[in-house]
Amino acid sequence: MTDLNGKVAVVTGAASGIGKAISKSFVEAGAKVLMSDINVDGGKKACEELKKINADTSFMKTDVSKEEEVKNLILSAEKNYGQLNIMVNNAARPIGGSL
């Protein structure tokens, strides 16, 4: 991964799976990461794991289906870290029946 020192990333759907893995990659590359998810318990747990690598990691509950919550997420990153360089919209919700 590229050196991301001094960069700030927001990752949605970060409590588990791909979002957590993306967050971990960014943290390992030196980025400050604001993780978000609707799963508060899972998000906080994932965040605590990644804080062991980089203390500049935080979590914020966000439902990406609600525009105001997404705006607040972006504003929070800018307020707490002074900028926003990377935004990963990984959050997803299954729709419809089975495959």
C-alpha atoms as a PDB file:
ATOM      1  CA  MET A   1       0.000   0.000   0.000  1.00  0.00           C
ATOM      2  CA  THR A   2       1.061   3.563  -0.659  1.00  0.00           C
ATOM      3  CA  ASP A   3       2.328   5.710   2.199  1.00  0.00           C
ATOM      4  CA  LEU A   4      -0.730   7.498   3.609  1.00  0.00           C
ATOM      5  CA  ASN A   5       0.970   9.418   6.420  1.00  0.00           C
ATOM      6  CA  GLY A   6      -0.824  12.711   6.953  1.00  0.00           C
ATOM      7  CA  LYS A   7      -3.924  11.568   5.050  1.00  0.00           C
ATOM      8  CA  VAL A   8      -7.412  11.240   6.513  1.00  0.00           C
ATOM      9  CA  ALA A   9      -9.829   8.539   5.398  1.00  0.00           C
ATOM     10  CA  VAL A  10     -13.488   7.838   6.107  1.00  0.00           C
ATOM     11  CA  VAL A  11     -14.695   4.267   5.583  1.00  0.00           C
ATOM     12  CA  THR A  12     -18.368   3.308   5.782  1.00  0.00           C
ATOM     13  CA  GLY A  13     -19.440  -0.252   6.565  1.00  0.00           C
ATOM     14  CA  ALA A  14     -16.259  -0.555   8.612  1.00  0.00           C
ATOM     15  CA  ALA A  15     -17.448  -2.782  11.471  1.00  0.00           C
ATOM     16  CA  SER A  16     -16.558  -6.001   9.666  1.00  0.00           C
ATOM     17  CA  GLY A  17     -15.612  -7.659   6.400  1.00  0.00           C
ATOM     18  CA  ILE A  18     -14.270  -5.589   3.525  1.00  0.00           C
ATOM     19  CA  GLY A  19     -14.797  -2.250   5.303  1.00  0.00           C
ATOM     20  CA  LYS A  20     -12.792  -3.376   8.308  1.00  0.00           C
ATOM     21  CA  ALA A  21     -10.047  -4.731   6.028  1.00  0.00           C
ATOM     22  CA  ILE A  22      -9.907  -1.448   4.078  1.00  0.00           C
ATOM     23  CA  SER A  23      -9.698   0.487   7.339  1.00  0.00           C
ATOM     24  CA  LYS A  24      -6.886  -1.760   8.557  1.00  0.00           C
ATOM     25  CA  SER A  25      -4.941  -1.276   5.315  1.00  0.00           C
ATOM     26  CA  PHE A  26      -5.274   2.493   5.584  1.00  0.00           C
ATOM     27  CA  VAL A  27      -4.246   2.489   9.264  1.00  0.00           C
ATOM     28  CA  GLU A  28      -1.223   0.307   8.509  1.00  0.00           C
ATOM     29  CA  ALA A  29      -0.240   2.752   5.734  1.00  0.00           C
ATOM     30  CA  GLY A  30      -0.302   5.616   8.252  1.00  0.00           C
ATOM     31  CA  ALA A  31      -3.683   7.250   7.605  1.00  0.00           C
ATOM     32  CA  LYS A  32      -5.951   8.640  10.263  1.00  0.00           C
ATOM     33  CA  VAL A  33      -9.212   6.736   9.830  1.00  0.00           C
ATOM     34  CA  LEU A  34     -12.770   7.563  10.826  1.00  0.00           C
ATOM     35  CA  MET A  35     -14.656   4.281  10.671  1.00  0.00           C
ATOM     36  CA  SER A  36     -18.439   4.269  10.404  1.00  0.00           C
ATOM     37  CA  ASP A  37     -21.227   1.711  10.471  1.00  0.00           C
ATOM     38  CA  ILE A  38     -24.752   1.251  11.780  1.00  0.00           C
ATOM     39  CA  ASN A  39     -23.415  -1.642  13.879  1.00  0.00           C
ATOM     40  CA  VAL A  40     -22.212   0.341  16.895  1.00  0.00           C
ATOM     41  CA  ASP A  41     -20.881  -2.568  18.952  1.00  0.00           C
ATOM     42  CA  GLY A  42     -19.014  -4.091  16.011  1.00  0.00           C
ATOM     43  CA  GLY A  43     -17.690  -0.703  14.908  1.00  0.00           C
ATOM     44  CA  LYS A  44     -16.367   0.187  18.341  1.00  0.00           C
ATOM     45  CA  LYS A  45     -14.725  -3.223  18.672  1.00  0.00           C
ATOM     46  CA  ALA A  46     -13.075  -2.953  15.237  1.00  0.00           C
ATOM     47  CA  CYS A  47     -11.928   0.578  16.041  1.00  0.00           C
ATOM     48  CA  GLU A  48     -10.324  -0.501  19.316  1.00  0.00           C
ATOM     49  CA  GLU A  49      -8.418  -3.227  17.447  1.00  0.00           C
ATOM     50  CA  LEU A  50      -7.088  -0.729  14.911  1.00  0.00           C
ATOM     51  CA  LYS A  51      -6.209   1.865  17.559  1.00  0.00           C
ATOM     52  CA  LYS A  52      -3.462  -0.549  18.638  1.00  0.00           C
ATOM     53  CA  ILE A  53      -1.838   0.139  15.258  1.00  0.00           C
ATOM     54  CA  ASN A  54      -2.662   3.865  15.026  1.00  0.00           C
ATOM     55  CA  ALA A  55      -4.240   5.822  17.871  1.00  0.00           C
ATOM     56  CA  ASP A  56      -5.672   8.295  15.331  1.00  0.00           C
ATOM     57  CA  THR A  57      -8.516   5.918  14.541  1.00  0.00           C
ATOM     58  CA  SER A  58     -12.093   6.650  15.572  1.00  0.00           C
ATOM     59  CA  PHE A  59     -15.623   5.367  15.084  1.00  0.00           C
ATOM     60  CA  MET A  60     -18.901   7.143  14.392  1.00  0.00           C
ATOM     61  CA  LYS A  61     -22.317   5.534  13.981  1.00  0.00           C
ATOM     62  CA  THR A  62     -23.641   6.430  10.557  1.00  0.00           C
ATOM     63  CA  ASP A  63     -26.585   5.185   8.525  1.00  0.00           C
ATOM     64  CA  VAL A  64     -25.563   5.972   4.925  1.00  0.00           C
ATOM     65  CA  SER A  65     -29.205   5.844   3.825  1.00  0.00           C
ATOM     66  CA  LYS A  66     -29.694   9.103   5.767  1.00  0.00           C
ATOM     67  CA  GLU A  67     -28.169  12.097   4.006  1.00  0.00           C
ATOM     68  CA  GLU A  68     -27.869  14.170   7.180  1.00  0.00           C
ATOM     69  CA  GLU A  69     -25.861  11.435   8.925  1.00  0.00           C
ATOM     70  CA  VAL A  70     -23.443  11.244   5.978  1.00  0.00           C
ATOM     71  CA  LYS A  71     -23.005  15.027   6.054  1.00  0.00           C
ATOM     72  CA  ASN A  72     -22.287  14.830   9.789  1.00  0.00           C
ATOM     73  CA  LEU A  73     -19.737  12.067   9.187  1.00  0.00           C
ATOM     74  CA  ILE A  74     -17.830  14.183   6.666  1.00  0.00           C
ATOM     75  CA  LEU A  75     -18.005  17.278   8.871  1.00  0.00           C
ATOM     76  CA  SER A  76     -16.767  15.238  11.827  1.00  0.00           C
ATOM     77  CA  ALA A  77     -13.711  14.038   9.878  1.00  0.00           C
ATOM     78  CA  GLU A  78     -12.904  17.587   8.810  1.00  0.00           C
ATOM     79  CA  LYS A  79     -13.435  18.968  12.319  1.00  0.00           C
ATOM     80  CA  ASN A  80     -11.469  16.283  14.178  1.00  0.00           C
ATOM     81  CA  TYR A  81      -8.659  15.743  11.665  1.00  0.00           C
ATOM     82  CA  GLY A  82      -8.585  19.058   9.784  1.00  0.00           C
ATOM     83  CA  GLN A  83      -9.167  17.543   6.352  1.00  0.00           C
ATOM     84  CA  LEU A  84     -10.618  14.633   4.387  1.00  0.00           C
ATOM     85  CA  ASN A  85      -8.540  13.003   1.646  1.00  0.00           C
ATOM     86  CA  ILE A  86     -10.132   9.598   1.103  1.00  0.00           C
ATOM     87  CA  MET A  87     -13.783   8.521   1.252  1.00  0.00           C
ATOM     88  CA  VAL A  88     -14.732   4.857   0.847  1.00  0.00           C
ATOM     89  CA  ASN A  89     -18.455   4.145   0.635  1.00  0.00           C
ATOM     90  CA  ASN A  90     -18.379   0.447   1.433  1.00  0.00           C
ATOM     91  CA  ALA A  91     -21.674   0.229   3.336  1.00  0.00           C
ATOM     92  CA  ALA A  92     -24.283  -1.975   1.725  1.00  0.00           C
ATOM     93  CA  ARG A  93     -27.607  -3.475   2.555  1.00  0.00           C
ATOM     94  CA  PRO A  94     -29.023  -6.619   0.933  1.00  0.00           C
ATOM     95  CA  ILE A  95     -32.029  -5.920  -1.250  1.00  0.00           C
ATOM     96  CA  GLY A  96     -34.561  -8.397  -2.654  1.00  0.00           C
ATOM     97  CA  GLY A  97     -34.558 -12.179  -2.501  1.00  0.00           C
ATOM     98  CA  SER A  98     -31.862 -14.800  -2.663  1.00  0.00           C
ATOM     99  CA  LEU A  99     -29.481 -15.248  -5.567  1.00  0.00           C
END
